[in-house]
Amino acid sequence: KCFCRYCYYKRKWILFIYNFGAMFLLPVVYAKLKNRRKENS
C-alpha cells in the first residue's frame, strides 16, 4: 500500500490497469509455477 501510494502518486489509473491485466494472467502463471515443481531438484 505504501509503495503504490508513493510511486504511483496521482496515477492510480496505472494500478487499475496492472490489476486488471494480472487478473487474467494469474491463473496461467500459477499453473506454470506449480507444474514445474517436480522438474527441479
PDB file of all heavy atoms in Angstrom:
ATOM      1  N   LYS A   1       0.834  -1.202   0.000  1.00  0.00           N
ATOM      2  CA  LYS A   1       0.000   0.000   0.000  1.00  0.00           C
ATOM      3  C   LYS A   1       0.875   1.262   0.000  1.00  0.00           C
ATOM      4  O   LYS A   1       0.588   2.228  -0.717  1.00  0.00           O
ATOM      5  CB  LYS A   1      -0.918   0.005   1.224  1.00  0.00           C
ATOM      6  CG  LYS A   1      -1.917  -1.147   1.276  1.00  0.00           C
ATOM      7  CD  LYS A   1      -3.037  -0.995   0.277  1.00  0.00           C
ATOM      8  CE  LYS A   1      -4.042   0.043   0.737  1.00  0.00           C
ATOM      9  NZ  LYS A   1      -5.202   0.134  -0.192  1.00  0.00           N
ATOM     10  N   CYS A   2       1.932   1.240   0.810  1.00  0.00           N
ATOM     11  CA  CYS A   2       2.826   2.400   0.898  1.00  0.00           C
ATOM     12  C   CYS A   2       3.599   2.593  -0.401  1.00  0.00           C
ATOM     13  O   CYS A   2       3.751   3.718  -0.890  1.00  0.00           O
ATOM     14  CB  CYS A   2       3.799   2.226   2.063  1.00  0.00           C
ATOM     15  SG  CYS A   2       3.038   2.361   3.690  1.00  0.00           S
ATOM     16  N   PHE A   3       4.091   1.487  -0.960  1.00  0.00           N
ATOM     17  CA  PHE A   3       4.835   1.547  -2.215  1.00  0.00           C
ATOM     18  C   PHE A   3       3.971   2.155  -3.324  1.00  0.00           C
ATOM     19  O   PHE A   3       4.401   3.049  -4.056  1.00  0.00           O
ATOM     20  CB  PHE A   3       5.292   0.143  -2.602  1.00  0.00           C
ATOM     21  CG  PHE A   3       5.917   0.057  -3.972  1.00  0.00           C
ATOM     22  CD1 PHE A   3       7.264   0.315  -4.149  1.00  0.00           C
ATOM     23  CD2 PHE A   3       5.145  -0.282  -5.086  1.00  0.00           C
ATOM     24  CE1 PHE A   3       7.841   0.237  -5.414  1.00  0.00           C
ATOM     25  CE2 PHE A   3       5.708  -0.359  -6.346  1.00  0.00           C
ATOM     26  CZ  PHE A   3       7.061  -0.100  -6.512  1.00  0.00           C
ATOM     27  N   CYS A   4       2.765   1.661  -3.454  1.00  0.00           N
ATOM     28  CA  CYS A   4       1.871   2.141  -4.517  1.00  0.00           C
ATOM     29  C   CYS A   4       1.473   3.591  -4.301  1.00  0.00           C
ATOM     30  O   CYS A   4       1.415   4.379  -5.253  1.00  0.00           O
ATOM     31  CB  CYS A   4       0.630   1.259  -4.603  1.00  0.00           C
ATOM     32  SG  CYS A   4       0.975  -0.404  -5.206  1.00  0.00           S
ATOM     33  N   ARG A   5       1.192   3.952  -3.054  1.00  0.00           N
ATOM     34  CA  ARG A   5       0.784   5.332  -2.781  1.00  0.00           C
ATOM     35  C   ARG A   5       1.909   6.308  -3.147  1.00  0.00           C
ATOM     36  O   ARG A   5       1.653   7.392  -3.684  1.00  0.00           O
ATOM     37  CB  ARG A   5       0.394   5.480  -1.308  1.00  0.00           C
ATOM     38  CG  ARG A   5      -0.052   6.891  -0.911  1.00  0.00           C
ATOM     39  CD  ARG A   5      -1.255   7.345  -1.729  1.00  0.00           C
ATOM     40  NE  ARG A   5      -2.446   6.572  -1.474  1.00  0.00           N
ATOM     41  CZ  ARG A   5      -3.407   6.931  -0.627  1.00  0.00           C
ATOM     42  NH1 ARG A   5      -3.315   8.074   0.028  1.00  0.00           N
ATOM     43  NH2 ARG A   5      -4.462   6.170  -0.464  1.00  0.00           N
ATOM     44  N   TYR A   6       3.151   5.894  -2.879  1.00  0.00           N
ATOM     45  CA  TYR A   6       4.291   6.777  -3.164  1.00  0.00           C
ATOM     46  C   TYR A   6       4.658   6.773  -4.653  1.00  0.00           C
ATOM     47  O   TYR A   6       4.760   7.825  -5.277  1.00  0.00           O
ATOM     48  CB  TYR A   6       5.508   6.345  -2.346  1.00  0.00           C
ATOM     49  CG  TYR A   6       6.751   7.142  -2.679  1.00  0.00           C
ATOM     50  CD1 TYR A   6       6.931   8.429  -2.164  1.00  0.00           C
ATOM     51  CD2 TYR A   6       7.736   6.627  -3.511  1.00  0.00           C
ATOM     52  CE1 TYR A   6       8.049   9.175  -2.484  1.00  0.00           C
ATOM     53  CE2 TYR A   6       8.853   7.362  -3.840  1.00  0.00           C
ATOM     54  CZ  TYR A   6       9.017   8.633  -3.325  1.00  0.00           C
ATOM     55  OH  TYR A   6      10.127   9.367  -3.650  1.00  0.00           O
ATOM     56  N   CYS A   7       4.852   5.596  -5.222  1.00  0.00           N
ATOM     57  CA  CYS A   7       5.362   5.502  -6.593  1.00  0.00           C
ATOM     58  C   CYS A   7       4.327   5.870  -7.648  1.00  0.00           C
ATOM     59  O   CYS A   7       4.683   6.316  -8.747  1.00  0.00           O
ATOM     60  CB  CYS A   7       5.895   4.099  -6.853  1.00  0.00           C
ATOM     61  SG  CYS A   7       7.378   3.694  -5.904  1.00  0.00           S
ATOM     62  N   TYR A   8       3.048   5.677  -7.337  1.00  0.00           N
ATOM     63  CA  TYR A   8       2.002   5.989  -8.303  1.00  0.00           C
ATOM     64  C   TYR A   8       1.137   7.145  -7.806  1.00  0.00           C
ATOM     65  O   TYR A   8      -0.072   7.179  -8.021  1.00  0.00           O
ATOM     66  CB  TYR A   8       1.158   4.745  -8.584  1.00  0.00           C
ATOM     67  CG  TYR A   8       1.990   3.599  -9.097  1.00  0.00           C
ATOM     68  CD1 TYR A   8       2.397   2.573  -8.242  1.00  0.00           C
ATOM     69  CD2 TYR A   8       2.409   3.549 -10.421  1.00  0.00           C
ATOM     70  CE1 TYR A   8       3.182   1.529  -8.695  1.00  0.00           C
ATOM     71  CE2 TYR A   8       3.192   2.509 -10.882  1.00  0.00           C
ATOM     72  CZ  TYR A   8       3.577   1.507 -10.018  1.00  0.00           C
ATOM     73  OH  TYR A   8       4.364   0.479 -10.468  1.00  0.00           O
ATOM     74  N   TYR A   9       1.774   8.067  -7.137  1.00  0.00           N
ATOM     75  CA  TYR A   9       1.085   9.236  -6.599  1.00  0.00           C
ATOM     76  C   TYR A   9       0.338   9.953  -7.725  1.00  0.00           C
ATOM     77  O   TYR A   9       0.914  10.324  -8.743  1.00  0.00           O
ATOM     78  CB  TYR A   9       2.108  10.163  -5.950  1.00  0.00           C
ATOM     79  CG  TYR A   9       1.537  11.404  -5.316  1.00  0.00           C
ATOM     80  CD1 TYR A   9       0.630  11.316  -4.279  1.00  0.00           C
ATOM     81  CD2 TYR A   9       1.933  12.671  -5.754  1.00  0.00           C
ATOM     82  CE1 TYR A   9       0.112  12.446  -3.684  1.00  0.00           C
ATOM     83  CE2 TYR A   9       1.436  13.816  -5.160  1.00  0.00           C
ATOM     84  CZ  TYR A   9       0.510  13.707  -4.129  1.00  0.00           C
ATOM     85  OH  TYR A   9       0.013  14.840  -3.531  1.00  0.00           O
ATOM     86  N   LYS A  10      -0.973  10.096  -7.565  1.00  0.00           N
ATOM     87  CA  LYS A  10      -1.857  10.722  -8.555  1.00  0.00           C
ATOM     88  C   LYS A  10      -1.873   9.961  -9.887  1.00  0.00           C
ATOM     89  O   LYS A  10      -2.162  10.535 -10.939  1.00  0.00           O
ATOM     90  CB  LYS A  10      -1.474  12.191  -8.774  1.00  0.00           C
ATOM     91  CG  LYS A  10      -1.720  13.052  -7.536  1.00  0.00           C
ATOM     92  CD  LYS A  10      -1.545  14.523  -7.824  1.00  0.00           C
ATOM     93  CE  LYS A  10      -1.893  15.359  -6.593  1.00  0.00           C
ATOM     94  NZ  LYS A  10      -1.746  16.802  -6.827  1.00  0.00           N
ATOM     95  N   ARG A  11      -1.527   8.653  -9.838  1.00  0.00           N
ATOM     96  CA  ARG A  11      -1.571   7.830 -11.053  1.00  0.00           C
ATOM     97  C   ARG A  11      -2.221   6.488 -10.741  1.00  0.00           C
ATOM     98  O   ARG A  11      -1.740   5.439 -11.152  1.00  0.00           O
ATOM     99  CB  ARG A  11      -0.154   7.601 -11.586  1.00  0.00           C
ATOM    100  CG  ARG A  11       0.451   8.812 -12.259  1.00  0.00           C
ATOM    101  CD  ARG A  11       1.807   8.442 -12.793  1.00  0.00           C
ATOM    102  NE  ARG A  11       2.296   9.456 -13.714  1.00  0.00           N
ATOM    103  CZ  ARG A  11       3.389   9.331 -14.447  1.00  0.00           C
ATOM    104  NH1 ARG A  11       4.101   8.224 -14.346  1.00  0.00           N
ATOM    105  NH2 ARG A  11       3.779  10.281 -15.254  1.00  0.00           N
ATOM    106  N   LYS A  12      -3.312   6.515 -10.035  1.00  0.00           N
ATOM    107  CA  LYS A  12      -3.980   5.279  -9.634  1.00  0.00           C
ATOM    108  C   LYS A  12      -4.504   4.499 -10.834  1.00  0.00           C
ATOM    109  O   LYS A  12      -4.678   3.278 -10.754  1.00  0.00           O
ATOM    110  CB  LYS A  12      -5.130   5.596  -8.672  1.00  0.00           C
ATOM    111  CG  LYS A  12      -4.661   6.086  -7.307  1.00  0.00           C
ATOM    112  CD  LYS A  12      -5.843   6.329  -6.386  1.00  0.00           C
ATOM    113  CE  LYS A  12      -5.385   6.812  -5.017  1.00  0.00           C
ATOM    114  NZ  LYS A  12      -6.529   7.063  -4.104  1.00  0.00           N
ATOM    115  N   TRP A  13      -4.729   5.179 -11.933  1.00  0.00           N
ATOM    116  CA  TRP A  13      -5.240   4.507 -13.124  1.00  0.00           C
ATOM    117  C   TRP A  13      -4.263   3.452 -13.626  1.00  0.00           C
ATOM    118  O   TRP A  13      -4.676   2.428 -14.194  1.00  0.00           O
ATOM    119  CB  TRP A  13      -5.533   5.526 -14.227  1.00  0.00           C
ATOM    120  CG  TRP A  13      -4.345   6.347 -14.662  1.00  0.00           C
ATOM    121  CD1 TRP A  13      -3.909   7.520 -14.126  1.00  0.00           C
ATOM    122  CD2 TRP A  13      -3.437   6.020 -15.717  1.00  0.00           C
ATOM    123  NE1 TRP A  13      -2.785   7.957 -14.775  1.00  0.00           N
ATOM    124  CE2 TRP A  13      -2.475   7.063 -15.764  1.00  0.00           C
ATOM    125  CE3 TRP A  13      -3.330   4.977 -16.630  1.00  0.00           C
ATOM    126  CZ2 TRP A  13      -1.429   7.080 -16.676  1.00  0.00           C
ATOM    127  CZ3 TRP A  13      -2.288   4.988 -17.553  1.00  0.00           C
ATOM    128  CH2 TRP A  13      -1.356   6.033 -17.568  1.00  0.00           C
ATOM    129  N   ILE A  14      -2.962   3.661 -13.407  1.00  0.00           N
ATOM    130  CA  ILE A  14      -1.968   2.676 -13.832  1.00  0.00           C
ATOM    131  C   ILE A  14      -2.122   1.393 -13.008  1.00  0.00           C
ATOM    132  O   ILE A  14      -2.040   0.280 -13.537  1.00  0.00           O
ATOM    133  CB  ILE A  14      -0.550   3.251 -13.696  1.00  0.00           C
ATOM    134  CG1 ILE A  14      -0.369   4.393 -14.693  1.00  0.00           C
ATOM    135  CG2 ILE A  14       0.508   2.175 -13.921  1.00  0.00           C
ATOM    136  CD1 ILE A  14       0.968   5.078 -14.628  1.00  0.00           C
ATOM    137  N   LEU A  15      -2.348   1.558 -11.713  1.00  0.00           N
ATOM    138  CA  LEU A  15      -2.553   0.395 -10.852  1.00  0.00           C
ATOM    139  C   LEU A  15      -3.810  -0.372 -11.255  1.00  0.00           C
ATOM    140  O   LEU A  15      -3.850  -1.603 -11.176  1.00  0.00           O
ATOM    141  CB  LEU A  15      -2.653   0.829  -9.391  1.00  0.00           C
ATOM    142  CG  LEU A  15      -1.340   1.274  -8.739  1.00  0.00           C
ATOM    143  CD1 LEU A  15      -1.602   1.843  -7.352  1.00  0.00           C
ATOM    144  CD2 LEU A  15      -0.356   0.126  -8.661  1.00  0.00           C
ATOM    145  N   PHE A  16      -4.814   0.365 -11.692  1.00  0.00           N
ATOM    146  CA  PHE A  16      -6.052  -0.283 -12.162  1.00  0.00           C
ATOM    147  C   PHE A  16      -5.746  -1.168 -13.367  1.00  0.00           C
ATOM    148  O   PHE A  16      -6.213  -2.308 -13.457  1.00  0.00           O
ATOM    149  CB  PHE A  16      -7.100   0.773 -12.533  1.00  0.00           C
ATOM    150  CG  PHE A  16      -8.346   0.192 -13.133  1.00  0.00           C
ATOM    151  CD1 PHE A  16      -9.336  -0.362 -12.331  1.00  0.00           C
ATOM    152  CD2 PHE A  16      -8.515   0.163 -14.514  1.00  0.00           C
ATOM    153  CE1 PHE A  16     -10.481  -0.916 -12.892  1.00  0.00           C
ATOM    154  CE2 PHE A  16      -9.651  -0.390 -15.079  1.00  0.00           C
ATOM    155  CZ  PHE A  16     -10.639  -0.932 -14.267  1.00  0.00           C
ATOM    156  N   ILE A  17      -4.926  -0.654 -14.286  1.00  0.00           N
ATOM    157  CA  ILE A  17      -4.552  -1.431 -15.473  1.00  0.00           C
ATOM    158  C   ILE A  17      -3.737  -2.658 -15.076  1.00  0.00           C
ATOM    159  O   ILE A  17      -3.965  -3.765 -15.568  1.00  0.00           O
ATOM    160  CB  ILE A  17      -3.752  -0.545 -16.460  1.00  0.00           C
ATOM    161  CG1 ILE A  17      -4.664   0.541 -17.036  1.00  0.00           C
ATOM    162  CG2 ILE A  17      -3.142  -1.392 -17.575  1.00  0.00           C
ATOM    163  CD1 ILE A  17      -3.951   1.549 -17.918  1.00  0.00           C
ATOM    164  N   TYR A  18      -2.756  -2.461 -14.164  1.00  0.00           N
ATOM    165  CA  TYR A  18      -1.947  -3.585 -13.683  1.00  0.00           C
ATOM    166  C   TYR A  18      -2.843  -4.657 -13.058  1.00  0.00           C
ATOM    167  O   TYR A  18      -2.677  -5.851 -13.311  1.00  0.00           O
ATOM    168  CB  TYR A  18      -0.946  -3.114 -12.625  1.00  0.00           C
ATOM    169  CG  TYR A  18       0.233  -2.319 -13.140  1.00  0.00           C
ATOM    170  CD1 TYR A  18       1.121  -1.715 -12.254  1.00  0.00           C
ATOM    171  CD2 TYR A  18       0.480  -2.179 -14.504  1.00  0.00           C
ATOM    172  CE1 TYR A  18       2.205  -0.992 -12.705  1.00  0.00           C
ATOM    173  CE2 TYR A  18       1.560  -1.444 -14.964  1.00  0.00           C
ATOM    174  CZ  TYR A  18       2.426  -0.855 -14.055  1.00  0.00           C
ATOM    175  OH  TYR A  18       3.502  -0.144 -14.500  1.00  0.00           O
ATOM    176  N   ASN A  19      -3.760  -4.220 -12.224  1.00  0.00           N
ATOM    177  CA  ASN A  19      -4.632  -5.164 -11.519  1.00  0.00           C
ATOM    178  C   ASN A  19      -5.547  -5.911 -12.485  1.00  0.00           C
ATOM    179  O   ASN A  19      -5.760  -7.115 -12.361  1.00  0.00           O
ATOM    180  CB  ASN A  19      -5.458  -4.405 -10.473  1.00  0.00           C
ATOM    181  CG  ASN A  19      -5.832  -5.274  -9.293  1.00  0.00           C
ATOM    182  OD1 ASN A  19      -4.998  -5.975  -8.740  1.00  0.00           O
ATOM    183  ND2 ASN A  19      -7.097  -5.229  -8.900  1.00  0.00           N
ATOM    184  N   PHE A  20      -6.054  -5.181 -13.459  1.00  0.00           N
ATOM    185  CA  PHE A  20      -6.950  -5.784 -14.453  1.00  0.00           C
ATOM    186  C   PHE A  20      -6.204  -6.833 -15.273  1.00  0.00           C
ATOM    187  O   PHE A  20      -6.701  -7.942 -15.500  1.00  0.00           O
ATOM    188  CB  PHE A  20      -7.527  -4.689 -15.365  1.00  0.00           C
ATOM    189  CG  PHE A  20      -8.533  -5.190 -16.356  1.00  0.00           C
ATOM    190  CD1 PHE A  20      -9.822  -5.513 -15.958  1.00  0.00           C
ATOM    191  CD2 PHE A  20      -8.177  -5.355 -17.686  1.00  0.00           C
ATOM    192  CE1 PHE A  20     -10.760  -5.991 -16.880  1.00  0.00           C
ATOM    193  CE2 PHE A  20      -9.097  -5.827 -18.605  1.00  0.00           C
ATOM    194  CZ  PHE A  20     -10.390  -6.155 -18.203  1.00  0.00           C
ATOM    195  N   GLY A  21      -4.994  -6.487 -15.721  1.00  0.00           N
ATOM    196  CA  GLY A  21      -4.201  -7.423 -16.515  1.00  0.00           C
ATOM    197  C   GLY A  21      -3.801  -8.649 -15.717  1.00  0.00           C
ATOM    198  O   GLY A  21      -3.849  -9.784 -16.218  1.00  0.00           O
ATOM    199  N   ALA A  22      -3.404  -8.425 -14.453  1.00  0.00           N
ATOM    200  CA  ALA A  22      -2.966  -9.537 -13.599  1.00  0.00           C
ATOM    201  C   ALA A  22      -4.095 -10.515 -13.319  1.00  0.00           C
ATOM    202  O   ALA A  22      -3.856 -11.715 -13.134  1.00  0.00           O
ATOM    203  CB  ALA A  22      -2.399  -8.983 -12.285  1.00  0.00           C
ATOM    204  N   MET A  23      -5.317 -10.021 -13.315  1.00  0.00           N
ATOM    205  CA  MET A  23      -6.470 -10.886 -13.041  1.00  0.00           C
ATOM    206  C   MET A  23      -6.535 -12.031 -14.058  1.00  0.00           C
ATOM    207  O   MET A  23      -6.866 -13.169 -13.708  1.00  0.00           O
ATOM    208  CB  MET A  23      -7.759 -10.055 -13.098  1.00  0.00           C
ATOM    209  CG  MET A  23      -9.031 -10.861 -12.877  1.00  0.00           C
ATOM    210  SD  MET A  23     -10.495  -9.798 -12.743  1.00  0.00           S
ATOM    211  CE  MET A  23     -10.483  -8.978 -14.345  1.00  0.00           C
ATOM    212  N   PHE A  24      -6.187 -11.763 -15.313  1.00  0.00           N
ATOM    213  CA  PHE A  24      -6.235 -12.791 -16.356  1.00  0.00           C
ATOM    214  C   PHE A  24      -4.951 -13.613 -16.426  1.00  0.00           C
ATOM    215  O   PHE A  24      -4.979 -14.789 -16.789  1.00  0.00           O
ATOM    216  CB  PHE A  24      -6.492 -12.125 -17.716  1.00  0.00           C
ATOM    217  CG  PHE A  24      -7.823 -11.435 -17.798  1.00  0.00           C
ATOM    218  CD1 PHE A  24      -7.923 -10.057 -17.609  1.00  0.00           C
ATOM    219  CD2 PHE A  24      -8.986 -12.166 -18.039  1.00  0.00           C
ATOM    220  CE1 PHE A  24      -9.150  -9.420 -17.669  1.00  0.00           C
ATOM    221  CE2 PHE A  24     -10.221 -11.530 -18.102  1.00  0.00           C
ATOM    222  CZ  PHE A  24     -10.308 -10.157 -17.912  1.00  0.00           C
ATOM    223  N   LEU A  25      -3.820 -13.009 -16.062  1.00  0.00           N
ATOM    224  CA  LEU A  25      -2.540 -13.705 -16.148  1.00  0.00           C
ATOM    225  C   LEU A  25      -2.291 -14.642 -14.975  1.00  0.00           C
ATOM    226  O   LEU A  25      -1.598 -15.650 -15.113  1.00  0.00           O
ATOM    227  CB  LEU A  25      -1.398 -12.687 -16.227  1.00  0.00           C
ATOM    228  CG  LEU A  25      -1.261 -11.905 -17.534  1.00  0.00           C
ATOM    229  CD1 LEU A  25      -0.181 -10.845 -17.400  1.00  0.00           C
ATOM    230  CD2 LEU A  25      -0.931 -12.847 -18.683  1.00  0.00           C
ATOM    231  N   LEU A  26      -2.856 -14.307 -13.818  1.00  0.00           N
ATOM    232  CA  LEU A  26      -2.583 -15.067 -12.605  1.00  0.00           C
ATOM    233  C   LEU A  26      -2.810 -16.582 -12.751  1.00  0.00           C
ATOM    234  O   LEU A  26      -1.917 -17.381 -12.406  1.00  0.00           O
ATOM    235  CB  LEU A  26      -3.426 -14.535 -11.448  1.00  0.00           C
ATOM    236  CG  LEU A  26      -2.732 -13.600 -10.452  1.00  0.00           C
ATOM    237  CD1 LEU A  26      -3.743 -13.034  -9.475  1.00  0.00           C
ATOM    238  CD2 LEU A  26      -1.635 -14.334  -9.694  1.00  0.00           C
ATOM    239  N   PRO A  27      -3.947 -17.029 -13.248  1.00  0.00           N
ATOM    240  CA  PRO A  27      -4.183 -18.482 -13.343  1.00  0.00           C
ATOM    241  C   PRO A  27      -3.158 -19.174 -14.239  1.00  0.00           C
ATOM    242  O   PRO A  27      -2.721 -20.286 -13.943  1.00  0.00           O
ATOM    243  CB  PRO A  27      -5.600 -18.576 -13.939  1.00  0.00           C
ATOM    244  CG  PRO A  27      -6.230 -17.258 -13.641  1.00  0.00           C
ATOM    245  CD  PRO A  27      -5.121 -16.257 -13.695  1.00  0.00           C
ATOM    246  N   VAL A  28      -2.761 -18.502 -15.310  1.00  0.00           N
ATOM    247  CA  VAL A  28      -1.792 -19.076 -16.260  1.00  0.00           C
ATOM    248  C   VAL A  28      -0.428 -19.210 -15.612  1.00  0.00           C
ATOM    249  O   VAL A  28       0.217 -20.272 -15.672  1.00  0.00           O
ATOM    250  CB  VAL A  28      -1.693 -18.205 -17.530  1.00  0.00           C
ATOM    251  CG1 VAL A  28      -0.660 -18.787 -18.496  1.00  0.00           C
ATOM    252  CG2 VAL A  28      -3.046 -18.081 -18.210  1.00  0.00           C
ATOM    253  N   VAL A  29       0.040 -18.120 -14.982  1.00  0.00           N
ATOM    254  CA  VAL A  29       1.359 -18.125 -14.354  1.00  0.00           C
ATOM    255  C   VAL A  29       1.387 -19.087 -13.175  1.00  0.00           C
ATOM    256  O   VAL A  29       2.358 -19.834 -12.978  1.00  0.00           O
ATOM    257  CB  VAL A  29       1.745 -16.695 -13.893  1.00  0.00           C
ATOM    258  CG1 VAL A  29       3.089 -16.713 -13.169  1.00  0.00           C
ATOM    259  CG2 VAL A  29       1.809 -15.750 -15.097  1.00  0.00           C
ATOM    260  N   TYR A  30       0.321 -19.107 -12.388  1.00  0.00           N
ATOM    261  CA  TYR A  30       0.246 -20.007 -11.231  1.00  0.00           C
ATOM    262  C   TYR A  30       0.363 -21.471 -11.677  1.00  0.00           C
ATOM    263  O   TYR A  30       1.091 -22.271 -11.081  1.00  0.00           O
ATOM    264  CB  TYR A  30      -1.061 -19.784 -10.479  1.00  0.00           C
ATOM    265  CG  TYR A  30      -1.294 -20.775  -9.352  1.00  0.00           C
ATOM    266  CD1 TYR A  30      -0.529 -20.737  -8.193  1.00  0.00           C
ATOM    267  CD2 TYR A  30      -2.279 -21.754  -9.467  1.00  0.00           C
ATOM    268  CE1 TYR A  30      -0.744 -21.651  -7.162  1.00  0.00           C
ATOM    269  CE2 TYR A  30      -2.495 -22.678  -8.439  1.00  0.00           C
ATOM    270  CZ  TYR A  30      -1.721 -22.614  -7.296  1.00  0.00           C
ATOM    271  OH  TYR A  30      -1.913 -23.523  -6.288  1.00  0.00           O
ATOM    272  N   ALA A  31      -0.350 -21.816 -12.732  1.00  0.00           N
ATOM    273  CA  ALA A  31      -0.318 -23.190 -13.233  1.00  0.00           C
ATOM    274  C   ALA A  31       1.092 -23.578 -13.671  1.00  0.00           C
ATOM    275  O   ALA A  31       1.566 -24.688 -13.400  1.00  0.00           O
ATOM    276  CB  ALA A  31      -1.297 -23.346 -14.398  1.00  0.00           C
ATOM    277  N   LYS A  32       1.779 -22.639 -14.314  1.00  0.00           N
ATOM    278  CA  LYS A  32       3.146 -22.920 -14.774  1.00  0.00           C
ATOM    279  C   LYS A  32       4.093 -23.123 -13.596  1.00  0.00           C
ATOM    280  O   LYS A  32       4.898 -24.053 -13.577  1.00  0.00           O
ATOM    281  CB  LYS A  32       3.655 -21.777 -15.658  1.00  0.00           C
ATOM    282  CG  LYS A  32       3.055 -21.768 -17.049  1.00  0.00           C
ATOM    283  CD  LYS A  32       3.755 -20.747 -17.937  1.00  0.00           C
ATOM    284  CE  LYS A  32       3.255 -20.847 -19.377  1.00  0.00           C
ATOM    285  NZ  LYS A  32       3.986 -19.934 -20.279  1.00  0.00           N
ATOM    286  N   LEU A  33       4.017 -22.229 -12.619  1.00  0.00           N
ATOM    287  CA  LEU A  33       4.917 -22.329 -11.470  1.00  0.00           C
ATOM    288  C   LEU A  33       4.655 -23.598 -10.664  1.00  0.00           C
ATOM    289  O   LEU A  33       5.585 -24.241 -10.170  1.00  0.00           O
ATOM    290  CB  LEU A  33       4.758 -21.101 -10.565  1.00  0.00           C
ATOM    291  CG  LEU A  33       5.162 -19.750 -11.160  1.00  0.00           C
ATOM    292  CD1 LEU A  33       5.068 -18.655 -10.105  1.00  0.00           C
ATOM    293  CD2 LEU A  33       6.567 -19.788 -11.727  1.00  0.00           C
ATOM    294  N   LYS A  34       3.422 -23.969 -10.526  1.00  0.00           N
ATOM    295  CA  LYS A  34       3.072 -25.158  -9.756  1.00  0.00           C
ATOM    296  C   LYS A  34       3.485 -26.435 -10.482  1.00  0.00           C
ATOM    297  O   LYS A  34       4.007 -27.386  -9.882  1.00  0.00           O
ATOM    298  CB  LYS A  34       1.564 -25.177  -9.478  1.00  0.00           C
ATOM    299  CG  LYS A  34       1.139 -26.324  -8.561  1.00  0.00           C
ATOM    300  CD  LYS A  34      -0.342 -26.249  -8.254  1.00  0.00           C
ATOM    301  CE  LYS A  34      -0.762 -27.416  -7.357  1.00  0.00           C
ATOM    302  NZ  LYS A  34      -2.212 -27.372  -7.053  1.00  0.00           N
ATOM    303  N   ASN A  35       3.284 -26.481 -11.793  1.00  0.00           N
ATOM    304  CA  ASN A  35       3.591 -27.682 -12.567  1.00  0.00           C
ATOM    305  C   ASN A  35       5.085 -27.924 -12.721  1.00  0.00           C
ATOM    306  O   ASN A  35       5.500 -29.049 -13.013  1.00  0.00           O
ATOM    307  CB  ASN A  35       2.943 -27.597 -13.955  1.00  0.00           C
ATOM    308  CG  ASN A  35       1.427 -27.672 -13.878  1.00  0.00           C
ATOM    309  OD1 ASN A  35       0.874 -28.203 -12.910  1.00  0.00           O
ATOM    310  ND2 ASN A  35       0.752 -27.132 -14.881  1.00  0.00           N
ATOM    311  N   ARG A  36       5.894 -26.894 -12.542  1.00  0.00           N
ATOM    312  CA  ARG A  36       7.335 -27.072 -12.675  1.00  0.00           C
ATOM    313  C   ARG A  36       7.956 -27.697 -11.434  1.00  0.00           C
ATOM    314  O   ARG A  36       9.130 -28.039 -11.432  1.00  0.00           O
ATOM    315  CB  ARG A  36       8.018 -25.719 -12.913  1.00  0.00           C
ATOM    316  CG  ARG A  36       7.818 -25.135 -14.291  1.00  0.00           C
ATOM    317  CD  ARG A  36       8.785 -23.990 -14.526  1.00  0.00           C
ATOM    318  NE  ARG A  36       8.357 -23.184 -15.658  1.00  0.00           N
ATOM    319  CZ  ARG A  36       8.091 -21.898 -15.592  1.00  0.00           C
ATOM    320  NH1 ARG A  36       8.199 -21.263 -14.437  1.00  0.00           N
ATOM    321  NH2 ARG A  36       7.718 -21.232 -16.652  1.00  0.00           N
ATOM    322  N   ARG A  37       7.189 -27.837 -10.363  1.00  0.00           N
ATOM    323  CA  ARG A  37       7.742 -28.237  -9.074  1.00  0.00           C
ATOM    324  C   ARG A  37       8.570 -29.515  -9.162  1.00  0.00           C
ATOM    325  O   ARG A  37       9.684 -29.584  -8.656  1.00  0.00           O
ATOM    326  CB  ARG A  37       6.628 -28.419  -8.049  1.00  0.00           C
ATOM    327  CG  ARG A  37       7.135 -28.778  -6.659  1.00  0.00           C
ATOM    328  CD  ARG A  37       5.975 -29.037  -5.709  1.00  0.00           C
ATOM    329  NE  ARG A  37       5.095 -27.882  -5.635  1.00  0.00           N
ATOM    330  CZ  ARG A  37       3.866 -27.915  -5.142  1.00  0.00           C
ATOM    331  NH1 ARG A  37       3.373 -29.055  -4.699  1.00  0.00           N
ATOM    332  NH2 ARG A  37       3.128 -26.834  -5.092  1.00  0.00           N
ATOM    333  N   LYS A  38       8.075 -30.559  -9.830  1.00  0.00           N
ATOM    334  CA  LYS A  38       8.742 -31.847  -9.852  1.00  0.00           C
ATOM    335  C   LYS A  38       9.910 -31.894 -10.842  1.00  0.00           C
ATOM    336  O   LYS A  38      10.657 -32.861 -10.879  1.00  0.00           O
ATOM    337  CB  LYS A  38       7.733 -32.945 -10.189  1.00  0.00           C
ATOM    338  CG  LYS A  38       6.677 -33.137  -9.097  1.00  0.00           C
ATOM    339  CD  LYS A  38       5.706 -34.237  -9.451  1.00  0.00           C
ATOM    340  CE  LYS A  38       4.648 -34.403  -8.362  1.00  0.00           C
ATOM    341  NZ  LYS A  38       3.662 -35.463  -8.691  1.00  0.00           N
ATOM    342  N   GLU A  39      10.032 -30.860 -11.651  1.00  0.00           N
ATOM    343  CA  GLU A  39      11.106 -30.832 -12.637  1.00  0.00           C
ATOM    344  C   GLU A  39      12.421 -30.357 -12.029  1.00  0.00           C
ATOM    345  O   GLU A  39      13.463 -30.431 -12.655  1.00  0.00           O
ATOM    346  CB  GLU A  39      10.729 -29.900 -13.796  1.00  0.00           C
ATOM    347  CG  GLU A  39       9.469 -30.326 -14.542  1.00  0.00           C
ATOM    348  CD  GLU A  39       9.050 -29.278 -15.555  1.00  0.00           C
ATOM    349  OE1 GLU A  39       9.840 -28.335 -15.765  1.00  0.00           O
ATOM    350  OE2 GLU A  39       7.958 -29.408 -16.135  1.00  0.00           O
ATOM    351  N   ASN A  40      12.374 -29.853 -10.811  1.00  0.00           N
ATOM    352  CA  ASN A  40      13.558 -29.257 -10.205  1.00  0.00           C
ATOM    353  C   ASN A  40      14.018 -30.067  -8.992  1.00  0.00           C
ATOM    354  O   ASN A  40      13.225 -30.615  -8.247  1.00  0.00           O
ATOM    355  CB  ASN A  40      13.270 -27.814  -9.761  1.00  0.00           C
ATOM    356  CG  ASN A  40      12.997 -26.921 -10.942  1.00  0.00           C
ATOM    357  OD1 ASN A  40      13.910 -26.334 -11.496  1.00  0.00           O
ATOM    358  ND2 ASN A  40      11.730 -26.827 -11.337  1.00  0.00           N
ATOM    359  N   SER A  41      15.331 -30.093  -8.811  1.00  0.00           N
ATOM    360  CA  SER A  41      15.923 -30.777  -7.662  1.00  0.00           C
ATOM    361  C   SER A  41      17.242 -30.102  -7.332  1.00  0.00           C
ATOM    362  O   SER A  41      17.645 -29.144  -7.994  1.00  0.00           O
ATOM    363  CB  SER A  41      16.144 -32.260  -7.983  1.00  0.00           C
ATOM    364  OG  SER A  41      16.995 -32.395  -9.116  1.00  0.00           O
TER     365      SER A  41
END
